Structure formats: C-alpha cells, structure tokens
Amino acid sequence: MSAPHGHCYRLHLTIGTAAAKIDTAEVTMLAYIFVVLAVFFRFAIPYLHSQPWHFTPLAASLLFFGAYGSRRQFWFPVVLLAASDVILSKFVYKYPISWDLMVTWAWYAAIVLLGTGLKRHLKALWIIAAALASSVSFFLLSNFVVWLAYNMYPKTLSGLVACYVAAVPFFRGTFASDLLFTPVLFAVPFLIKQFSEKTGHSGTAAA
C-alpha cells in the first residue's frame, strides 16, 4: 500500500512543481487554448463519419481553466461554451432553444469552480476524482433536466429511470473522455517543463 501512495505523492510534487516553474502567463494561455480546443471538438463531431458522442475535452478544459485561468475571466469558458450550445442547437442539430440549456451553463460554471480547488490539491487522486465528479454530475443533471423539460418520457419514476438508461451509451463517451483528457491536460505543464529543461541543457552543452 505504501508504494502506490508514494507514487501519487511524487506525481503530485512533479505536477505542482512543474506548474510553479513554468511562466504563469504560459499556463494561463494554455487554459484558454484548451477551452477553444474543446469548442473545436464539439463543432467537429457532427461532421465525423463515426461520431464519438460526448467524447470531448470539455470538462477537462473547464477544470484546467478553474485551476490556472484568470479569476477575473472565469466567465470566458462559460460564455464561449454557451454560445457554442446555441449555435449547435439551432443550426446543426436543429433543436429548440429551451430553458434546459441554462442548467447546462450553470454546470459549466460549477465545474470551473471545482477546478479552482485543484490548484491547491494537484494530486493524481484529486484530478481523477474531479474528472469522475464532472462525468457523473453531468450525467445525472443533464438527463434529469431532459426528463423534466421534454415529453420524451413519462413524468414518473419509471420514466426517469428509462431516460437514464437510454443515456448510458452517451455517458460512456463522457466518462472515457473525462478520465482521459483531464490527466492529459494537467500533465501538459510538466511536459512543457521537461521539454524546456531538455532544450536548455542542449543549448548549454552546445555553447
């Protein structure tokens, strides 16, 4: 039991130290880039031959922005993703614009706030836990709202259960993408640090 614990602790120190040693502006810029990348994924998916539904770095980008983005601009990912929701719903999927979207936007803000805690707890366990919390909360909240807002299912307990069951295939994509992209995005500062150090050492040796 002590070996895995020690491994997670070393990973925590590595990620935290890497983020600290990289220029703050660089890490902040990454937060914006990742959100834009998540929006790109959302617009690209409808045009793929094989559609990996909900397989995007959306939650991961929100968590990363919460951890490293500017506190004064926490509205940025929420507004950008909300705008993409409206465009996709109206012009791509031809869905009606309904109040249920506002619940999704509130969830975006909540995940950004969840990400703020990761800056103080950059441990592998906390990062994975945040990814899981994002997946499960979105599944529970979004499908409850679908059941409540539309007439697709009876307004009964069995209807709610049927709604959740029908959404399981979509949850698989959300679950897999959150568990994949969240650790990857939070590892990027470490990779940049490693690359910078390697480049610096090579330059020094050449000189």
Foldseek 3Di string as FASTA:
>chain_A
DVVVVVVQVVQLVLLLVLCVPDPLVVLQVLLVVQLVQQLVLVVCQVVDPDRLFQQGCNLLSLLSCLQRHDPVVNCVSLVVVLVSVVCCCVPPVNHDDDPLSVVVSVLSSVSSPLSNVCNVVVTPVSLQVSLVCSLVVCLVSSLVVVLVPDPPFDPDPVRSVVSSVVCVSNSVSSSVNSNPNNVVSSCVSSVVSVVVVVVVVVVVVVD
